[in-house]
Amino acid sequence: MDTDLILRNISRHIQLDQSETDFFISLLQPKKLKRKEFLVKQGDICKTENFIVKGCMRTYTIDENGFEHIVMFGIEDWWVGDLYSFLTQSPATYFIDALEDTEILQITKSDLDKLYDRVPKFERFFRLILQNAFIAQQQRINQNLSFTAEQRYLSFITKHPDLEQRLSQKQVSAYLGITPVFLSMLRKKLARK
């Protein structure tokens, strides 16, 4: 199990000694997902928090008309999960699936609670991760309410320049809240500038 990436991720916020590192690693379970395989389906209980070692995932809902609404993408060095379901152990609001063959490291809620008890600085780590996720969510809501489609697209490609190459036009448009046809017109317009 390759833990270098997750340990670098954690070291941005907290410092661990060797025994703390070893205990944390002992709680992680590796999992591989094939492209299109689900990590969580809407209505299931999200049993793990998940760190992406390799690959790309999406979190989304499907409306009553069958349209996908992508809430977020996750790539290497990102955490992904249905946090509400994970924390409350209630049915998931979202579908989470792999857009590429993906490798993740998982930790269960009971093991996370053990980690908090034995290595309390992990409470600080996950608090910081949650704060950053909350800020990103607030910015995304603000952009969806107040930005034009062009501004949302430009913000997306500025924040995630490599991600667009890994996604289909349909996936990008579902994230931006526009149709694939409109996204195609928007790209053509921007290419002419």
C-alpha atoms as a PDB file:
ATOM      1  CA  MET A   1       0.000   0.000   0.000  1.00  0.00           C
ATOM      2  CA  ASP A   2       1.532   3.294  -1.144  1.00  0.00           C
ATOM      3  CA  THR A   3       0.962   5.849   1.603  1.00  0.00           C
ATOM      4  CA  ASP A   4       3.419   8.579   0.531  1.00  0.00           C
ATOM      5  CA  LEU A   5       0.745  10.844  -0.988  1.00  0.00           C
ATOM      6  CA  ILE A   6      -1.655  10.679   1.956  1.00  0.00           C
ATOM      7  CA  LEU A   7       1.185  11.297   4.432  1.00  0.00           C
ATOM      8  CA  ARG A   8       2.278  14.373   2.444  1.00  0.00           C
ATOM      9  CA  ASN A   9      -1.355  15.547   2.434  1.00  0.00           C
ATOM     10  CA  ILE A  10      -1.555  15.216   6.207  1.00  0.00           C
ATOM     11  CA  SER A  11       1.840  16.828   6.818  1.00  0.00           C
ATOM     12  CA  ARG A  12       0.534  20.072   5.301  1.00  0.00           C
ATOM     13  CA  HIS A  13      -1.586  20.491   8.443  1.00  0.00           C
ATOM     14  CA  ILE A  14      -0.168  18.347  11.254  1.00  0.00           C
ATOM     15  CA  GLN A  15       3.117  16.647  12.118  1.00  0.00           C
ATOM     16  CA  LEU A  16       3.116  12.999  13.162  1.00  0.00           C
ATOM     17  CA  ASP A  17       5.742  10.999  14.980  1.00  0.00           C
ATOM     18  CA  GLN A  18       6.525   7.463  13.785  1.00  0.00           C
ATOM     19  CA  SER A  19       4.145   5.678  16.172  1.00  0.00           C
ATOM     20  CA  GLU A  20       1.281   8.019  15.190  1.00  0.00           C
ATOM     21  CA  THR A  21       2.087   7.474  11.509  1.00  0.00           C
ATOM     22  CA  ASP A  22       2.169   3.704  11.956  1.00  0.00           C
ATOM     23  CA  PHE A  23      -1.149   3.700  13.823  1.00  0.00           C
ATOM     24  CA  PHE A  24      -2.808   5.862  11.165  1.00  0.00           C
ATOM     25  CA  ILE A  25      -1.528   3.648   8.337  1.00  0.00           C
ATOM     26  CA  SER A  26      -2.755   0.535  10.177  1.00  0.00           C
ATOM     27  CA  LEU A  27      -6.317   1.917   9.976  1.00  0.00           C
ATOM     28  CA  LEU A  28      -6.280   2.511   6.216  1.00  0.00           C
ATOM     29  CA  GLN A  29      -7.737   0.017   3.774  1.00  0.00           C
ATOM     30  CA  PRO A  30      -6.752   0.192   0.094  1.00  0.00           C
ATOM     31  CA  LYS A  31      -9.469  -0.210  -2.520  1.00  0.00           C
ATOM     32  CA  LYS A  32      -9.420  -0.209  -6.309  1.00  0.00           C
ATOM     33  CA  LEU A  33     -12.388   0.913  -8.358  1.00  0.00           C
ATOM     34  CA  LYS A  34     -12.799   0.262 -12.054  1.00  0.00           C
ATOM     35  CA  ARG A  35     -14.029   3.054 -14.313  1.00  0.00           C
ATOM     36  CA  LYS A  36     -17.815   3.526 -13.781  1.00  0.00           C
ATOM     37  CA  GLU A  37     -17.752   1.550 -10.514  1.00  0.00           C
ATOM     38  CA  PHE A  38     -19.656   3.103  -7.617  1.00  0.00           C
ATOM     39  CA  LEU A  39     -18.101   3.955  -4.290  1.00  0.00           C
ATOM     40  CA  VAL A  40     -21.489   5.037  -2.901  1.00  0.00           C
ATOM     41  CA  LYS A  41     -24.990   5.051  -4.364  1.00  0.00           C
ATOM     42  CA  GLN A  42     -27.696   7.470  -3.316  1.00  0.00           C
ATOM     43  CA  GLY A  43     -29.620   5.872  -0.444  1.00  0.00           C
ATOM     44  CA  ASP A  44     -26.683   3.717   0.745  1.00  0.00           C
ATOM     45  CA  ILE A  45     -24.792   4.516   3.928  1.00  0.00           C
ATOM     46  CA  CYS A  46     -21.361   6.045   3.248  1.00  0.00           C
ATOM     47  CA  LYS A  47     -19.195   3.892   5.518  1.00  0.00           C
ATOM     48  CA  THR A  48     -15.780   5.432   4.762  1.00  0.00           C
ATOM     49  CA  GLU A  49     -13.881   8.624   4.172  1.00  0.00           C
ATOM     50  CA  ASN A  50     -11.730   8.136   1.097  1.00  0.00           C
ATOM     51  CA  PHE A  51      -8.415   9.543  -0.073  1.00  0.00           C
ATOM     52  CA  ILE A  52      -7.700   9.336  -3.796  1.00  0.00           C
ATOM     53  CA  VAL A  53      -4.225   7.970  -4.510  1.00  0.00           C
ATOM     54  CA  LYS A  54      -4.760   7.608  -8.258  1.00  0.00           C
ATOM     55  CA  GLY A  55      -7.673   8.332 -10.544  1.00  0.00           C
ATOM     56  CA  CYS A  56     -10.677  10.612 -10.854  1.00  0.00           C
ATOM     57  CA  MET A  57     -14.100  10.448  -9.215  1.00  0.00           C
ATOM     58  CA  ARG A  58     -17.297  12.461  -9.256  1.00  0.00           C
ATOM     59  CA  THR A  59     -20.010  13.192  -6.725  1.00  0.00           C
ATOM     60  CA  TYR A  60     -23.443  13.847  -8.217  1.00  0.00           C
ATOM     61  CA  THR A  61     -27.203  13.633  -8.004  1.00  0.00           C
ATOM     62  CA  ILE A  62     -29.765  12.738 -10.641  1.00  0.00           C
ATOM     63  CA  ASP A  63     -32.931  14.831 -10.855  1.00  0.00           C
ATOM     64  CA  GLU A  64     -36.460  13.606 -11.597  1.00  0.00           C
ATOM     65  CA  ASN A  65     -35.864  14.171 -15.340  1.00  0.00           C
ATOM     66  CA  GLY A  66     -32.769  11.956 -15.335  1.00  0.00           C
ATOM     67  CA  PHE A  67     -30.259  14.812 -15.574  1.00  0.00           C
ATOM     68  CA  GLU A  68     -26.988  14.521 -13.688  1.00  0.00           C
ATOM     69  CA  HIS A  69     -25.864  17.409 -11.509  1.00  0.00           C
ATOM     70  CA  ILE A  70     -22.194  17.035 -10.600  1.00  0.00           C
ATOM     71  CA  VAL A  71     -21.381  18.569  -7.238  1.00  0.00           C
ATOM     72  CA  MET A  72     -17.650  17.919  -7.314  1.00  0.00           C
ATOM     73  CA  PHE A  73     -14.824  16.020  -8.910  1.00  0.00           C
ATOM     74  CA  GLY A  74     -12.041  14.388  -6.952  1.00  0.00           C
ATOM     75  CA  ILE A  75      -8.563  13.603  -8.207  1.00  0.00           C
ATOM     76  CA  GLU A  76      -5.251  12.505  -6.731  1.00  0.00           C
ATOM     77  CA  ASP A  77      -4.514  14.032  -3.320  1.00  0.00           C
ATOM     78  CA  TRP A  78      -8.199  14.817  -2.615  1.00  0.00           C
ATOM     79  CA  TRP A  79     -10.596  13.401  -0.044  1.00  0.00           C
ATOM     80  CA  VAL A  80     -14.024  12.258  -1.255  1.00  0.00           C
ATOM     81  CA  GLY A  81     -17.177  10.913   0.360  1.00  0.00           C
ATOM     82  CA  ASP A  82     -20.743  11.786   1.259  1.00  0.00           C
ATOM     83  CA  LEU A  83     -19.868  13.571   4.470  1.00  0.00           C
ATOM     84  CA  TYR A  84     -23.417  13.916   5.778  1.00  0.00           C
ATOM     85  CA  SER A  85     -24.050  10.198   5.336  1.00  0.00           C
ATOM     86  CA  PHE A  86     -20.646   9.299   6.793  1.00  0.00           C
ATOM     87  CA  LEU A  87     -21.017  11.438   9.917  1.00  0.00           C
ATOM     88  CA  THR A  88     -24.667  10.649  10.624  1.00  0.00           C
ATOM     89  CA  GLN A  89     -24.673   7.092   9.206  1.00  0.00           C
ATOM     90  CA  SER A  90     -27.866   7.977   7.337  1.00  0.00           C
ATOM     91  CA  PRO A  91     -28.678   7.352   3.652  1.00  0.00           C
ATOM     92  CA  ALA A  92     -26.358   9.074   1.170  1.00  0.00           C
ATOM     93  CA  THR A  93     -27.620  12.051  -0.796  1.00  0.00           C
ATOM     94  CA  TYR A  94     -25.115  11.494  -3.610  1.00  0.00           C
ATOM     95  CA  PHE A  95     -23.789   8.961  -6.038  1.00  0.00           C
ATOM     96  CA  ILE A  96     -19.984   8.745  -6.084  1.00  0.00           C
ATOM     97  CA  ASP A  97     -18.321   6.810  -8.881  1.00  0.00           C
ATOM     98  CA  ALA A  98     -14.987   6.433 -10.620  1.00  0.00           C
ATOM     99  CA  LEU A  99     -14.460   8.243 -13.922  1.00  0.00           C
ATOM    100  CA  GLU A 100     -11.144   6.427 -14.374  1.00  0.00           C
ATOM    101  CA  ASP A 101      -9.645   3.317 -12.818  1.00  0.00           C
ATOM    102  CA  THR A 102      -9.067   4.645  -9.319  1.00  0.00           C
ATOM    103  CA  GLU A 103      -7.125   3.692  -6.211  1.00  0.00           C
ATOM    104  CA  ILE A 104      -8.238   4.995  -2.831  1.00  0.00           C
ATOM    105  CA  LEU A 105      -7.316   4.616   0.818  1.00  0.00           C
ATOM    106  CA  GLN A 106     -10.321   4.296   3.105  1.00  0.00           C
ATOM    107  CA  ILE A 107     -10.960   4.793   6.799  1.00  0.00           C
ATOM    108  CA  THR A 108     -14.178   3.730   8.518  1.00  0.00           C
ATOM    109  CA  LYS A 109     -16.066   5.914  10.961  1.00  0.00           C
ATOM    110  CA  SER A 110     -15.227   3.644  13.907  1.00  0.00           C
ATOM    111  CA  ASP A 111     -11.534   3.667  12.964  1.00  0.00           C
ATOM    112  CA  LEU A 112     -11.617   7.440  12.552  1.00  0.00           C
ATOM    113  CA  ASP A 113     -13.070   7.721  16.060  1.00  0.00           C
ATOM    114  CA  LYS A 114     -10.237   5.480  17.346  1.00  0.00           C
ATOM    115  CA  LEU A 115      -7.759   7.718  15.542  1.00  0.00           C
ATOM    116  CA  TYR A 116      -9.218  10.831  17.193  1.00  0.00           C
ATOM    117  CA  ASP A 117      -8.905   9.182  20.620  1.00  0.00           C
ATOM    118  CA  ARG A 118      -5.354   7.933  20.145  1.00  0.00           C
ATOM    119  CA  VAL A 119      -3.966  10.811  18.033  1.00  0.00           C
ATOM    120  CA  PRO A 120      -6.051  13.895  18.915  1.00  0.00           C
ATOM    121  CA  LYS A 121      -4.213  16.094  16.408  1.00  0.00           C
ATOM    122  CA  PHE A 122      -6.196  14.292  13.688  1.00  0.00           C
ATOM    123  CA  GLU A 123      -9.266  16.156  14.953  1.00  0.00           C
ATOM    124  CA  ARG A 124      -7.429  19.339  13.951  1.00  0.00           C
ATOM    125  CA  PHE A 125      -6.504  17.841  10.563  1.00  0.00           C
ATOM    126  CA  PHE A 126     -10.069  16.874   9.690  1.00  0.00           C
ATOM    127  CA  ARG A 127     -11.418  20.169  11.043  1.00  0.00           C
ATOM    128  CA  LEU A 128      -9.116  22.002   8.620  1.00  0.00           C
ATOM    129  CA  ILE A 129     -10.140  19.709   5.761  1.00  0.00           C
ATOM    130  CA  LEU A 130     -13.815  20.345   6.575  1.00  0.00           C
ATOM    131  CA  GLN A 131     -13.267  24.108   6.784  1.00  0.00           C
ATOM    132  CA  ASN A 132     -11.584  24.112   3.381  1.00  0.00           C
ATOM    133  CA  ALA A 133     -14.379  21.982   1.912  1.00  0.00           C
ATOM    134  CA  PHE A 134     -17.008  24.298   3.392  1.00  0.00           C
ATOM    135  CA  ILE A 135     -15.271  27.379   1.957  1.00  0.00           C
ATOM    136  CA  ALA A 136     -15.015  25.727  -1.478  1.00  0.00           C
ATOM    137  CA  GLN A 137     -18.697  24.782  -1.326  1.00  0.00           C
ATOM    138  CA  GLN A 138     -19.701  28.336  -0.378  1.00  0.00           C
ATOM    139  CA  GLN A 139     -17.654  29.747  -3.260  1.00  0.00           C
ATOM    140  CA  ARG A 140     -19.232  27.267  -5.672  1.00  0.00           C
ATOM    141  CA  ILE A 141     -22.762  28.166  -4.499  1.00  0.00           C
ATOM    142  CA  ASN A 142     -21.956  31.864  -4.875  1.00  0.00           C
ATOM    143  CA  GLN A 143     -20.590  31.317  -8.389  1.00  0.00           C
ATOM    144  CA  ASN A 144     -23.638  29.275  -9.400  1.00  0.00           C
ATOM    145  CA  LEU A 145     -25.908  32.057  -8.198  1.00  0.00           C
ATOM    146  CA  SER A 146     -24.017  35.095  -9.433  1.00  0.00           C
ATOM    147  CA  PHE A 147     -21.607  34.121 -12.241  1.00  0.00           C
ATOM    148  CA  THR A 148     -22.494  33.766 -15.894  1.00  0.00           C
ATOM    149  CA  ALA A 149     -21.899  30.382 -17.523  1.00  0.00           C
ATOM    150  CA  GLU A 150     -18.758  31.812 -19.139  1.00  0.00           C
ATOM    151  CA  GLN A 151     -17.442  33.051 -15.779  1.00  0.00           C
ATOM    152  CA  ARG A 152     -18.149  29.654 -14.170  1.00  0.00           C
ATOM    153  CA  TYR A 153     -16.313  27.874 -16.984  1.00  0.00           C
ATOM    154  CA  LEU A 154     -13.318  30.225 -16.810  1.00  0.00           C
ATOM    155  CA  SER A 155     -13.172  29.816 -13.031  1.00  0.00           C
ATOM    156  CA  PHE A 156     -13.278  26.017 -13.405  1.00  0.00           C
ATOM    157  CA  ILE A 157     -10.437  25.842 -15.935  1.00  0.00           C
ATOM    158  CA  THR A 158      -8.381  28.358 -13.931  1.00  0.00           C
ATOM    159  CA  LYS A 159      -8.759  26.433 -10.650  1.00  0.00           C
ATOM    160  CA  HIS A 160      -8.380  22.987 -12.245  1.00  0.00           C
ATOM    161  CA  PRO A 161      -6.346  23.389 -15.462  1.00  0.00           C
ATOM    162  CA  ASP A 162      -5.470  19.679 -15.790  1.00  0.00           C
ATOM    163  CA  LEU A 163      -8.859  18.327 -14.833  1.00  0.00           C
ATOM    164  CA  GLU A 164     -10.744  19.417 -17.940  1.00  0.00           C
ATOM    165  CA  GLN A 165      -8.566  17.138 -20.109  1.00  0.00           C
ATOM    166  CA  ARG A 166      -9.662  14.139 -18.026  1.00  0.00           C
ATOM    167  CA  LEU A 167     -13.399  14.819 -18.323  1.00  0.00           C
ATOM    168  CA  SER A 168     -15.981  14.517 -21.054  1.00  0.00           C
ATOM    169  CA  GLN A 169     -17.837  17.573 -22.311  1.00  0.00           C
ATOM    170  CA  LYS A 170     -21.004  16.107 -20.761  1.00  0.00           C
ATOM    171  CA  GLN A 171     -19.313  15.862 -17.340  1.00  0.00           C
ATOM    172  CA  VAL A 172     -17.956  19.423 -17.451  1.00  0.00           C
ATOM    173  CA  SER A 173     -21.334  20.785 -18.540  1.00  0.00           C
ATOM    174  CA  ALA A 174     -23.135  18.822 -15.754  1.00  0.00           C
ATOM    175  CA  TYR A 175     -20.732  20.403 -13.252  1.00  0.00           C
ATOM    176  CA  LEU A 176     -21.279  23.913 -14.642  1.00  0.00           C
ATOM    177  CA  GLY A 177     -25.055  23.555 -14.880  1.00  0.00           C
ATOM    178  CA  ILE A 178     -25.231  24.059 -18.643  1.00  0.00           C
ATOM    179  CA  THR A 179     -25.912  21.828 -21.640  1.00  0.00           C
ATOM    180  CA  PRO A 180     -23.075  20.176 -23.583  1.00  0.00           C
ATOM    181  CA  VAL A 181     -24.175  22.118 -26.684  1.00  0.00           C
ATOM    182  CA  PHE A 182     -23.892  25.426 -24.819  1.00  0.00           C
ATOM    183  CA  LEU A 183     -20.467  24.420 -23.476  1.00  0.00           C
ATOM    184  CA  SER A 184     -19.313  23.648 -27.011  1.00  0.00           C
ATOM    185  CA  MET A 185     -20.513  27.093 -28.197  1.00  0.00           C
ATOM    186  CA  LEU A 186     -18.802  28.715 -25.209  1.00  0.00           C
ATOM    187  CA  ARG A 187     -15.498  26.968 -25.947  1.00  0.00           C
ATOM    188  CA  LYS A 188     -15.656  28.067 -29.591  1.00  0.00           C
ATOM    189  CA  LYS A 189     -16.378  31.654 -28.547  1.00  0.00           C
ATOM    190  CA  LEU A 190     -13.438  31.683 -26.123  1.00  0.00           C
ATOM    191  CA  ALA A 191     -11.107  30.094 -28.700  1.00  0.00           C
ATOM    192  CA  ARG A 192     -11.843  33.003 -31.076  1.00  0.00           C
ATOM    193  CA  LYS A 193     -10.832  35.606 -28.478  1.00  0.00           C
END
